[in-house]
């Protein structure tokens, strides 16, 4: 019986998706997994490439399903694949990244020998637009706080019990940006038991395009809606929403960096409206720091903001 399903949404990746798929096919014990590929309205020949790969010698030993989701957006594509999952565990992966050796074998070993965990996580190597690299952490200590700060439960960093993901409602199709951030909040509010694999396990490759897009000011409502939704989750749980305001201030600064001053002024004004003087000053400081340079803004905010219990 298969223990783990790997769901991959794909949009216009005909030129590079095989790099991702081959990194998965090369994994030890991958024959014990199900691979679910979801084409999300690609306008190139992605669907043909997926079919050819499925029939190739590289995938001959694999359990591969190819689906199509016509509703646009990564959340809809991931839910389409998730609806086909019948294994106890599931993980999601992106179509331009690569699994490093032994990831799947170590996930399977963990979920088959340590039955009390709800999530198995790992760290990732992130390639930036300038060619430099950083490490995306998966944090066990104060996981909700760290996720609100650093989005530590991003898509490529964990596998989760299928029943837990169904319990929290899977992917939210009403938002179209930062969907893994919003889902991570819902998951972590259940206080899951988590296990960390050692070492870097995934290479995140920089690409100019993605399903969710990269520029903030062209579709501000998508990012702001995600933050509003997360704020509602935290309020319902009786948890501080300080980090949502901090992220709003940083988002406003990103608008300004993209030469959209009206958007920046609108969001910053709405964020600080009605706040005590000290908090208004703090949020303006975060805005100015992020506008000057994003490097170190989250660290500065962390030093000045109380921890979340």
C-alpha atoms as a PDB file:
ATOM      1  CA  UNK A   1       0.000   0.000   0.000  1.00  0.00           C
ATOM      2  CA  UNK A   2       1.149   3.544  -0.754  1.00  0.00           C
ATOM      3  CA  UNK A   3       1.744   5.823   2.240  1.00  0.00           C
ATOM      4  CA  UNK A   4       2.314   9.197   0.611  1.00  0.00           C
ATOM      5  CA  UNK A   5       0.908  11.204  -2.298  1.00  0.00           C
ATOM      6  CA  UNK A   6       2.852  14.027  -3.963  1.00  0.00           C
ATOM      7  CA  UNK A   7       0.626  16.666  -5.577  1.00  0.00           C
ATOM      8  CA  UNK A   8       2.170  19.055  -8.106  1.00  0.00           C
ATOM      9  CA  UNK A   9       0.180  21.913  -9.718  1.00  0.00           C
ATOM     10  CA  UNK A  10       1.615  22.969 -13.081  1.00  0.00           C
ATOM     11  CA  UNK A  11       1.061  26.034 -15.247  1.00  0.00           C
ATOM     12  CA  UNK A  12       3.064  26.688 -18.440  1.00  0.00           C
ATOM     13  CA  UNK A  13       6.108  24.689 -17.390  1.00  0.00           C
ATOM     14  CA  UNK A  14       6.716  22.704 -20.580  1.00  0.00           C
ATOM     15  CA  UNK A  15      10.357  23.797 -20.746  1.00  0.00           C
ATOM     16  CA  UNK A  16      11.376  23.007 -17.167  1.00  0.00           C
ATOM     17  CA  UNK A  17       8.883  20.670 -15.484  1.00  0.00           C
ATOM     18  CA  UNK A  18      10.859  17.544 -16.370  1.00  0.00           C
ATOM     19  CA  UNK A  19      13.713  18.789 -14.189  1.00  0.00           C
ATOM     20  CA  UNK A  20      11.343  18.661 -11.225  1.00  0.00           C
ATOM     21  CA  UNK A  21       9.775  15.340 -12.223  1.00  0.00           C
ATOM     22  CA  UNK A  22      13.142  13.658 -12.777  1.00  0.00           C
ATOM     23  CA  UNK A  23      14.327  14.774  -9.338  1.00  0.00           C
ATOM     24  CA  UNK A  24      11.269  13.023  -7.918  1.00  0.00           C
ATOM     25  CA  UNK A  25      11.669   9.902 -10.060  1.00  0.00           C
ATOM     26  CA  UNK A  26      15.265   9.571  -8.830  1.00  0.00           C
ATOM     27  CA  UNK A  27      14.179   9.413  -5.182  1.00  0.00           C
ATOM     28  CA  UNK A  28      14.813   6.189  -3.298  1.00  0.00           C
ATOM     29  CA  UNK A  29      11.522   4.439  -2.405  1.00  0.00           C
ATOM     30  CA  UNK A  30       9.522   6.676  -4.751  1.00  0.00           C
ATOM     31  CA  UNK A  31       7.657   3.605  -6.021  1.00  0.00           C
ATOM     32  CA  UNK A  32       5.901   3.582  -2.621  1.00  0.00           C
ATOM     33  CA  UNK A  33       4.301   6.966  -3.408  1.00  0.00           C
ATOM     34  CA  UNK A  34       1.575   8.269  -5.662  1.00  0.00           C
ATOM     35  CA  UNK A  35       2.403  11.216  -7.920  1.00  0.00           C
ATOM     36  CA  UNK A  36      -0.521  13.461  -8.906  1.00  0.00           C
ATOM     37  CA  UNK A  37       0.159  16.084 -11.592  1.00  0.00           C
ATOM     38  CA  UNK A  38      -2.437  18.830 -12.098  1.00  0.00           C
ATOM     39  CA  UNK A  39      -2.327  20.991 -15.215  1.00  0.00           C
ATOM     40  CA  UNK A  40      -3.863  24.378 -14.368  1.00  0.00           C
ATOM     41  CA  UNK A  41      -5.000  25.795 -17.735  1.00  0.00           C
ATOM     42  CA  UNK A  42      -1.556  25.802 -19.354  1.00  0.00           C
ATOM     43  CA  UNK A  43      -1.448  27.581 -22.704  1.00  0.00           C
ATOM     44  CA  UNK A  44       1.767  25.903 -23.867  1.00  0.00           C
ATOM     45  CA  UNK A  45       2.268  22.161 -24.434  1.00  0.00           C
ATOM     46  CA  UNK A  46       2.693  21.322 -20.748  1.00  0.00           C
ATOM     47  CA  UNK A  47       0.000  18.633 -20.841  1.00  0.00           C
ATOM     48  CA  UNK A  48       1.785  16.876 -23.730  1.00  0.00           C
ATOM     49  CA  UNK A  49       5.099  17.020 -21.864  1.00  0.00           C
ATOM     50  CA  UNK A  50       3.469  15.493 -18.781  1.00  0.00           C
ATOM     51  CA  UNK A  51       1.975  12.659 -20.827  1.00  0.00           C
ATOM     52  CA  UNK A  52       5.273  11.980 -22.554  1.00  0.00           C
ATOM     53  CA  UNK A  53       7.106  11.936 -19.240  1.00  0.00           C
ATOM     54  CA  UNK A  54       4.575   9.558 -17.706  1.00  0.00           C
ATOM     55  CA  UNK A  55       5.150   7.125 -20.598  1.00  0.00           C
ATOM     56  CA  UNK A  56       8.946   7.502 -20.527  1.00  0.00           C
ATOM     57  CA  UNK A  57      11.412   4.988 -19.025  1.00  0.00           C
ATOM     58  CA  UNK A  58      12.118   7.466 -16.202  1.00  0.00           C
ATOM     59  CA  UNK A  59       8.556   7.057 -14.928  1.00  0.00           C
ATOM     60  CA  UNK A  60       7.989   3.411 -15.796  1.00  0.00           C
ATOM     61  CA  UNK A  61       8.187   2.342 -12.131  1.00  0.00           C
ATOM     62  CA  UNK A  62       5.951   5.139 -10.841  1.00  0.00           C
ATOM     63  CA  UNK A  63       2.260   5.511  -9.985  1.00  0.00           C
ATOM     64  CA  UNK A  64       1.447   8.723 -11.907  1.00  0.00           C
ATOM     65  CA  UNK A  65      -1.934  10.404 -12.375  1.00  0.00           C
ATOM     66  CA  UNK A  66      -2.441  13.442 -14.618  1.00  0.00           C
ATOM     67  CA  UNK A  67      -5.428  15.700 -13.939  1.00  0.00           C
ATOM     68  CA  UNK A  68      -6.666  19.030 -15.300  1.00  0.00           C
ATOM     69  CA  UNK A  69      -8.135  21.894 -13.281  1.00  0.00           C
ATOM     70  CA  UNK A  70      -9.747  24.708 -15.264  1.00  0.00           C
ATOM     71  CA  UNK A  71     -10.369  27.044 -12.327  1.00  0.00           C
ATOM     72  CA  UNK A  72      -7.330  29.340 -12.215  1.00  0.00           C
ATOM     73  CA  UNK A  73      -5.057  29.555  -9.212  1.00  0.00           C
ATOM     74  CA  UNK A  74      -2.685  27.359  -7.267  1.00  0.00           C
ATOM     75  CA  UNK A  75      -5.253  26.685  -4.523  1.00  0.00           C
ATOM     76  CA  UNK A  76      -7.774  25.242  -6.982  1.00  0.00           C
ATOM     77  CA  UNK A  77      -5.092  23.135  -8.674  1.00  0.00           C
ATOM     78  CA  UNK A  78      -3.819  21.774  -5.361  1.00  0.00           C
ATOM     79  CA  UNK A  79      -7.344  20.979  -4.177  1.00  0.00           C
ATOM     80  CA  UNK A  80      -7.999  19.170  -7.450  1.00  0.00           C
ATOM     81  CA  UNK A  81      -5.000  16.961  -6.785  1.00  0.00           C
ATOM     82  CA  UNK A  82      -5.830  16.632  -3.093  1.00  0.00           C
ATOM     83  CA  UNK A  83      -9.317  15.366  -3.913  1.00  0.00           C
ATOM     84  CA  UNK A  84      -7.645  12.415  -5.644  1.00  0.00           C
ATOM     85  CA  UNK A  85      -5.486  11.551  -2.622  1.00  0.00           C
ATOM     86  CA  UNK A  86      -6.290   8.276  -0.879  1.00  0.00           C
ATOM     87  CA  UNK A  87      -3.045   7.829   1.068  1.00  0.00           C
ATOM     88  CA  UNK A  88      -2.605   8.581   4.800  1.00  0.00           C
ATOM     89  CA  UNK A  89      -0.045  11.315   4.060  1.00  0.00           C
ATOM     90  CA  UNK A  90       0.238  13.998   1.398  1.00  0.00           C
ATOM     91  CA  UNK A  91       2.780  16.609   0.368  1.00  0.00           C
ATOM     92  CA  UNK A  92       2.661  19.385  -2.224  1.00  0.00           C
ATOM     93  CA  UNK A  93       5.477  20.403  -4.505  1.00  0.00           C
ATOM     94  CA  UNK A  94       6.081  23.111  -7.092  1.00  0.00           C
ATOM     95  CA  UNK A  95       6.816  22.447 -10.745  1.00  0.00           C
ATOM     96  CA  UNK A  96      10.070  24.413 -10.927  1.00  0.00           C
ATOM     97  CA  UNK A  97      11.868  23.047  -7.855  1.00  0.00           C
ATOM     98  CA  UNK A  98      13.909  19.923  -7.143  1.00  0.00           C
ATOM     99  CA  UNK A  99      13.949  17.282  -4.445  1.00  0.00           C
ATOM    100  CA  UNK A 100      17.407  16.572  -3.066  1.00  0.00           C
ATOM    101  CA  UNK A 101      18.482  12.924  -2.589  1.00  0.00           C
ATOM    102  CA  UNK A 102      16.882  10.777   0.146  1.00  0.00           C
ATOM    103  CA  UNK A 103      13.993  13.142   0.950  1.00  0.00           C
ATOM    104  CA  UNK A 104      11.224  10.662   0.137  1.00  0.00           C
ATOM    105  CA  UNK A 105      12.984   7.714   1.783  1.00  0.00           C
ATOM    106  CA  UNK A 106      13.427   9.701   4.995  1.00  0.00           C
ATOM    107  CA  UNK A 107       9.824  10.929   4.962  1.00  0.00           C
ATOM    108  CA  UNK A 108       8.548   7.380   4.546  1.00  0.00           C
ATOM    109  CA  UNK A 109      10.853   6.078   7.266  1.00  0.00           C
ATOM    110  CA  UNK A 110       9.569   8.747   9.650  1.00  0.00           C
ATOM    111  CA  UNK A 111       5.861   8.338   8.975  1.00  0.00           C
ATOM    112  CA  UNK A 112       6.115   4.540   9.163  1.00  0.00           C
ATOM    113  CA  UNK A 113       8.109   4.428  12.412  1.00  0.00           C
ATOM    114  CA  UNK A 114       6.990   7.544  14.323  1.00  0.00           C
ATOM    115  CA  UNK A 115       3.217   7.291  14.276  1.00  0.00           C
ATOM    116  CA  UNK A 116       2.559  10.136  16.756  1.00  0.00           C
ATOM    117  CA  UNK A 117       3.519  12.969  14.370  1.00  0.00           C
ATOM    118  CA  UNK A 118       1.076  14.994  12.264  1.00  0.00           C
ATOM    119  CA  UNK A 119       3.657  16.815  10.136  1.00  0.00           C
ATOM    120  CA  UNK A 120       7.155  15.966   8.911  1.00  0.00           C
ATOM    121  CA  UNK A 121       9.155  19.030   7.895  1.00  0.00           C
ATOM    122  CA  UNK A 122      12.540  19.961   6.480  1.00  0.00           C
ATOM    123  CA  UNK A 123      14.664  22.940   5.466  1.00  0.00           C
ATOM    124  CA  UNK A 124      15.019  24.228   1.913  1.00  0.00           C
ATOM    125  CA  UNK A 125      17.669  25.995  -0.154  1.00  0.00           C
ATOM    126  CA  UNK A 126      16.182  29.123  -1.781  1.00  0.00           C
ATOM    127  CA  UNK A 127      17.741  30.634  -4.888  1.00  0.00           C
ATOM    128  CA  UNK A 128      17.129  34.391  -5.112  1.00  0.00           C
ATOM    129  CA  UNK A 129      16.806  36.589  -8.189  1.00  0.00           C
ATOM    130  CA  UNK A 130      20.418  37.790  -7.846  1.00  0.00           C
ATOM    131  CA  UNK A 131      21.757  34.239  -7.762  1.00  0.00           C
ATOM    132  CA  UNK A 132      22.436  34.187  -4.022  1.00  0.00           C
ATOM    133  CA  UNK A 133      20.961  31.542  -1.717  1.00  0.00           C
ATOM    134  CA  UNK A 134      19.289  31.451   1.674  1.00  0.00           C
ATOM    135  CA  UNK A 135      17.930  28.705   3.908  1.00  0.00           C
ATOM    136  CA  UNK A 136      14.197  28.391   4.510  1.00  0.00           C
ATOM    137  CA  UNK A 137      13.820  27.043   8.030  1.00  0.00           C
ATOM    138  CA  UNK A 138      11.237  24.637   9.395  1.00  0.00           C
ATOM    139  CA  UNK A 139      10.909  25.600  13.047  1.00  0.00           C
ATOM    140  CA  UNK A 140       9.640  23.418  15.894  1.00  0.00           C
ATOM    141  CA  UNK A 141       9.976  26.077  18.612  1.00  0.00           C
ATOM    142  CA  UNK A 142       6.965  28.446  18.693  1.00  0.00           C
ATOM    143  CA  UNK A 143       5.915  27.317  15.213  1.00  0.00           C
ATOM    144  CA  UNK A 144       2.958  29.699  14.785  1.00  0.00           C
ATOM    145  CA  UNK A 145       5.036  32.724  15.729  1.00  0.00           C
ATOM    146  CA  UNK A 146       7.810  31.688  13.367  1.00  0.00           C
ATOM    147  CA  UNK A 147       5.353  31.009  10.576  1.00  0.00           C
ATOM    148  CA  UNK A 148       3.774  34.456  10.961  1.00  0.00           C
ATOM    149  CA  UNK A 149       7.264  35.956  10.780  1.00  0.00           C
ATOM    150  CA  UNK A 150       8.919  33.829   8.112  1.00  0.00           C
ATOM    151  CA  UNK A 151       6.221  31.679   6.449  1.00  0.00           C
ATOM    152  CA  UNK A 152       8.029  28.598   7.754  1.00  0.00           C
ATOM    153  CA  UNK A 153       5.196  26.274   6.680  1.00  0.00           C
ATOM    154  CA  UNK A 154       5.549  27.103   2.995  1.00  0.00           C
ATOM    155  CA  UNK A 155       4.489  24.508   0.459  1.00  0.00           C
ATOM    156  CA  UNK A 156       7.740  22.650  -0.183  1.00  0.00           C
ATOM    157  CA  UNK A 157       8.744  22.250   3.488  1.00  0.00           C
ATOM    158  CA  UNK A 158       6.480  19.537   4.842  1.00  0.00           C
ATOM    159  CA  UNK A 159       4.331  16.464   4.476  1.00  0.00           C
ATOM    160  CA  UNK A 160       1.077  16.293   6.447  1.00  0.00           C
ATOM    161  CA  UNK A 161      -1.452  13.712   7.504  1.00  0.00           C
ATOM    162  CA  UNK A 162      -4.268  13.705   4.962  1.00  0.00           C
ATOM    163  CA  UNK A 163      -6.946  13.667   7.651  1.00  0.00           C
ATOM    164  CA  UNK A 164      -5.485  16.792   9.294  1.00  0.00           C
ATOM    165  CA  UNK A 165      -5.444  18.705   6.013  1.00  0.00           C
ATOM    166  CA  UNK A 166      -9.038  17.687   5.377  1.00  0.00           C
ATOM    167  CA  UNK A 167      -9.956  18.740   8.918  1.00  0.00           C
ATOM    168  CA  UNK A 168      -8.695  22.303   8.398  1.00  0.00           C
ATOM    169  CA  UNK A 169     -10.387  22.605   4.994  1.00  0.00           C
ATOM    170  CA  UNK A 170      -7.455  22.162   2.597  1.00  0.00           C
ATOM    171  CA  UNK A 171      -6.515  25.096   0.329  1.00  0.00           C
ATOM    172  CA  UNK A 172      -8.574  28.295   0.407  1.00  0.00           C
ATOM    173  CA  UNK A 173      -9.717  28.953  -3.174  1.00  0.00           C
ATOM    174  CA  UNK A 174     -11.023  32.430  -2.325  1.00  0.00           C
ATOM    175  CA  UNK A 175      -7.483  33.826  -2.034  1.00  0.00           C
ATOM    176  CA  UNK A 176      -4.897  33.932  -4.814  1.00  0.00           C
ATOM    177  CA  UNK A 177      -1.648  34.910  -3.089  1.00  0.00           C
ATOM    178  CA  UNK A 178       0.204  33.750   0.015  1.00  0.00           C
ATOM    179  CA  UNK A 179      -2.061  30.721   0.090  1.00  0.00           C
ATOM    180  CA  UNK A 180       0.523  28.576   1.872  1.00  0.00           C
ATOM    181  CA  UNK A 181       0.876  31.303   4.525  1.00  0.00           C
ATOM    182  CA  UNK A 182      -2.886  31.286   5.142  1.00  0.00           C
ATOM    183  CA  UNK A 183      -3.092  27.484   5.185  1.00  0.00           C
ATOM    184  CA  UNK A 184      -0.125  27.324   7.546  1.00  0.00           C
ATOM    185  CA  UNK A 185      -1.951  29.540  10.033  1.00  0.00           C
ATOM    186  CA  UNK A 186      -4.982  27.241  10.013  1.00  0.00           C
ATOM    187  CA  UNK A 187      -2.837  24.135  10.383  1.00  0.00           C
ATOM    188  CA  UNK A 188      -0.712  25.507  13.224  1.00  0.00           C
ATOM    189  CA  UNK A 189      -3.759  26.691  15.153  1.00  0.00           C
ATOM    190  CA  UNK A 190      -4.563  22.980  15.652  1.00  0.00           C
ATOM    191  CA  UNK A 191      -1.209  22.619  17.491  1.00  0.00           C
ATOM    192  CA  UNK A 192       0.025  19.628  15.450  1.00  0.00           C
ATOM    193  CA  UNK A 193       2.905  17.402  16.545  1.00  0.00           C
ATOM    194  CA  UNK A 194       5.820  17.944  14.190  1.00  0.00           C
ATOM    195  CA  UNK A 195       9.097  16.241  13.349  1.00  0.00           C
ATOM    196  CA  UNK A 196      12.122  17.862  11.662  1.00  0.00           C
ATOM    197  CA  UNK A 197      14.351  16.015   9.192  1.00  0.00           C
ATOM    198  CA  UNK A 198      17.954  17.162   9.335  1.00  0.00           C
ATOM    199  CA  UNK A 199      19.722  18.946   6.481  1.00  0.00           C
ATOM    200  CA  UNK A 200      18.572  20.716   3.323  1.00  0.00           C
ATOM    201  CA  UNK A 201      16.038  18.624   1.418  1.00  0.00           C
ATOM    202  CA  UNK A 202      14.672  20.770  -1.434  1.00  0.00           C
ATOM    203  CA  UNK A 203      16.214  23.227  -3.912  1.00  0.00           C
ATOM    204  CA  UNK A 204      13.911  26.169  -4.686  1.00  0.00           C
ATOM    205  CA  UNK A 205      14.879  27.453  -8.122  1.00  0.00           C
ATOM    206  CA  UNK A 206      14.241  31.074  -9.031  1.00  0.00           C
ATOM    207  CA  UNK A 207      11.933  31.592 -12.013  1.00  0.00           C
ATOM    208  CA  UNK A 208      10.475  34.801 -13.393  1.00  0.00           C
ATOM    209  CA  UNK A 209       6.922  33.484 -13.319  1.00  0.00           C
ATOM    210  CA  UNK A 210       4.822  31.396 -10.977  1.00  0.00           C
ATOM    211  CA  UNK A 211       1.168  30.458 -10.563  1.00  0.00           C
ATOM    212  CA  UNK A 212       0.689  33.214  -7.963  1.00  0.00           C
ATOM    213  CA  UNK A 213       2.941  35.850  -9.568  1.00  0.00           C
ATOM    214  CA  UNK A 214       5.664  37.972  -8.003  1.00  0.00           C
ATOM    215  CA  UNK A 215       4.823  41.699  -8.206  1.00  0.00           C
ATOM    216  CA  UNK A 216       2.763  43.049  -5.311  1.00  0.00           C
ATOM    217  CA  UNK A 217       1.312  46.313  -6.588  1.00  0.00           C
ATOM    218  CA  UNK A 218      -0.333  44.937  -9.733  1.00  0.00           C
ATOM    219  CA  UNK A 219      -2.871  42.923  -7.731  1.00  0.00           C
ATOM    220  CA  UNK A 220      -2.829  44.387  -4.219  1.00  0.00           C
ATOM    221  CA  UNK A 221      -6.211  42.936  -3.303  1.00  0.00           C
ATOM    222  CA  UNK A 222      -4.879  39.385  -3.522  1.00  0.00           C
ATOM    223  CA  UNK A 223      -2.168  39.904  -0.909  1.00  0.00           C
ATOM    224  CA  UNK A 224      -4.321  42.070   1.341  1.00  0.00           C
ATOM    225  CA  UNK A 225      -7.157  39.544   1.231  1.00  0.00           C
ATOM    226  CA  UNK A 226      -4.761  36.832   2.393  1.00  0.00           C
ATOM    227  CA  UNK A 227      -3.667  38.955   5.359  1.00  0.00           C
ATOM    228  CA  UNK A 228      -7.272  39.859   6.221  1.00  0.00           C
ATOM    229  CA  UNK A 229      -8.173  36.162   6.199  1.00  0.00           C
ATOM    230  CA  UNK A 230      -5.246  35.272   8.465  1.00  0.00           C
ATOM    231  CA  UNK A 231      -6.182  38.084  10.822  1.00  0.00           C
ATOM    232  CA  UNK A 232      -9.693  36.644  11.146  1.00  0.00           C
ATOM    233  CA  UNK A 233      -8.269  33.193  11.970  1.00  0.00           C
ATOM    234  CA  UNK A 234      -6.065  34.640  14.715  1.00  0.00           C
ATOM    235  CA  UNK A 235      -8.817  36.792  16.189  1.00  0.00           C
ATOM    236  CA  UNK A 236     -11.164  33.812  16.373  1.00  0.00           C
ATOM    237  CA  UNK A 237      -8.441  31.904  18.241  1.00  0.00           C
ATOM    238  CA  UNK A 238      -7.781  34.801  20.615  1.00  0.00           C
ATOM    239  CA  UNK A 239      -4.212  35.280  19.355  1.00  0.00           C
ATOM    240  CA  UNK A 240      -2.406  38.576  18.782  1.00  0.00           C
ATOM    241  CA  UNK A 241      -2.605  39.980  15.259  1.00  0.00           C
ATOM    242  CA  UNK A 242       0.527  42.137  15.626  1.00  0.00           C
ATOM    243  CA  UNK A 243       2.340  40.257  12.888  1.00  0.00           C
ATOM    244  CA  UNK A 244      -0.471  40.808  10.425  1.00  0.00           C
ATOM    245  CA  UNK A 245      -0.109  44.566  10.908  1.00  0.00           C
ATOM    246  CA  UNK A 246       3.656  44.243  10.503  1.00  0.00           C
ATOM    247  CA  UNK A 247       3.194  42.350   7.252  1.00  0.00           C
ATOM    248  CA  UNK A 248       0.740  45.003   6.055  1.00  0.00           C
ATOM    249  CA  UNK A 249       3.313  47.719   6.753  1.00  0.00           C
ATOM    250  CA  UNK A 250       5.944  45.703   4.871  1.00  0.00           C
ATOM    251  CA  UNK A 251       3.528  45.124   1.994  1.00  0.00           C
ATOM    252  CA  UNK A 252       2.816  48.861   1.791  1.00  0.00           C
ATOM    253  CA  UNK A 253       6.564  49.472   1.592  1.00  0.00           C
ATOM    254  CA  UNK A 254       6.813  46.936  -1.215  1.00  0.00           C
ATOM    255  CA  UNK A 255       4.174  48.898  -3.118  1.00  0.00           C
ATOM    256  CA  UNK A 256       6.317  52.009  -2.694  1.00  0.00           C
ATOM    257  CA  UNK A 257       9.416  50.137  -3.881  1.00  0.00           C
ATOM    258  CA  UNK A 258       7.460  49.187  -7.000  1.00  0.00           C
ATOM    259  CA  UNK A 259       6.658  52.853  -7.683  1.00  0.00           C
ATOM    260  CA  UNK A 260       3.039  52.639  -6.549  1.00  0.00           C
ATOM    261  CA  UNK A 261       2.940  55.418  -3.907  1.00  0.00           C
ATOM    262  CA  UNK A 262      -0.849  55.734  -3.856  1.00  0.00           C
ATOM    263  CA  UNK A 263      -1.232  52.050  -3.015  1.00  0.00           C
ATOM    264  CA  UNK A 264       1.473  52.363  -0.365  1.00  0.00           C
ATOM    265  CA  UNK A 265      -0.121  55.379   1.292  1.00  0.00           C
ATOM    266  CA  UNK A 266      -3.577  53.815   1.244  1.00  0.00           C
ATOM    267  CA  UNK A 267      -2.493  50.574   2.929  1.00  0.00           C
ATOM    268  CA  UNK A 268      -0.176  52.173   5.484  1.00  0.00           C
ATOM    269  CA  UNK A 269      -2.873  54.678   6.498  1.00  0.00           C
ATOM    270  CA  UNK A 270      -5.447  51.901   6.904  1.00  0.00           C
ATOM    271  CA  UNK A 271      -2.973  49.814   8.923  1.00  0.00           C
ATOM    272  CA  UNK A 272      -2.084  52.489  11.475  1.00  0.00           C
ATOM    273  CA  UNK A 273      -5.560  54.045  11.717  1.00  0.00           C
ATOM    274  CA  UNK A 274      -6.893  53.938  15.279  1.00  0.00           C
ATOM    275  CA  UNK A 275      -3.704  52.425  16.695  1.00  0.00           C
ATOM    276  CA  UNK A 276      -2.039  53.874  19.825  1.00  0.00           C
ATOM    277  CA  UNK A 277       0.756  56.379  19.170  1.00  0.00           C
ATOM    278  CA  UNK A 278       3.533  53.936  20.034  1.00  0.00           C
ATOM    279  CA  UNK A 279       2.245  51.280  17.662  1.00  0.00           C
ATOM    280  CA  UNK A 280       1.747  53.815  14.857  1.00  0.00           C
ATOM    281  CA  UNK A 281       5.345  54.894  15.302  1.00  0.00           C
ATOM    282  CA  UNK A 282       6.532  51.281  15.297  1.00  0.00           C
ATOM    283  CA  UNK A 283       4.623  50.406  12.119  1.00  0.00           C
ATOM    284  CA  UNK A 284       5.937  53.526  10.368  1.00  0.00           C
ATOM    285  CA  UNK A 285       9.449  52.450  11.354  1.00  0.00           C
ATOM    286  CA  UNK A 286       8.881  49.000   9.849  1.00  0.00           C
ATOM    287  CA  UNK A 287       7.480  50.608   6.694  1.00  0.00           C
ATOM    288  CA  UNK A 288      10.495  52.912   6.298  1.00  0.00           C
ATOM    289  CA  UNK A 289      12.969  50.097   6.956  1.00  0.00           C
ATOM    290  CA  UNK A 290      11.316  47.810   4.403  1.00  0.00           C
ATOM    291  CA  UNK A 291      11.105  50.636   1.870  1.00  0.00           C
ATOM    292  CA  UNK A 292      14.809  51.377   2.281  1.00  0.00           C
ATOM    293  CA  UNK A 293      15.871  47.721   2.112  1.00  0.00           C
ATOM    294  CA  UNK A 294      13.986  44.481   2.871  1.00  0.00           C
ATOM    295  CA  UNK A 295      17.075  42.854   4.372  1.00  0.00           C
ATOM    296  CA  UNK A 296      16.717  42.659   8.162  1.00  0.00           C
ATOM    297  CA  UNK A 297      13.194  44.078   8.427  1.00  0.00           C
ATOM    298  CA  UNK A 298      11.700  40.895   9.872  1.00  0.00           C
ATOM    299  CA  UNK A 299      14.558  40.651  12.381  1.00  0.00           C
ATOM    300  CA  UNK A 300      14.004  44.244  13.469  1.00  0.00           C
ATOM    301  CA  UNK A 301      10.275  43.626  13.889  1.00  0.00           C
ATOM    302  CA  UNK A 302      10.999  40.436  15.857  1.00  0.00           C
ATOM    303  CA  UNK A 303      13.228  42.302  18.299  1.00  0.00           C
ATOM    304  CA  UNK A 304      10.572  44.934  18.931  1.00  0.00           C
ATOM    305  CA  UNK A 305       7.454  42.744  19.008  1.00  0.00           C
ATOM    306  CA  UNK A 306       6.310  40.566  21.936  1.00  0.00           C
ATOM    307  CA  UNK A 307       6.312  36.827  21.365  1.00  0.00           C
ATOM    308  CA  UNK A 308       3.084  34.983  20.638  1.00  0.00           C
ATOM    309  CA  UNK A 309       2.210  32.304  23.196  1.00  0.00           C
END
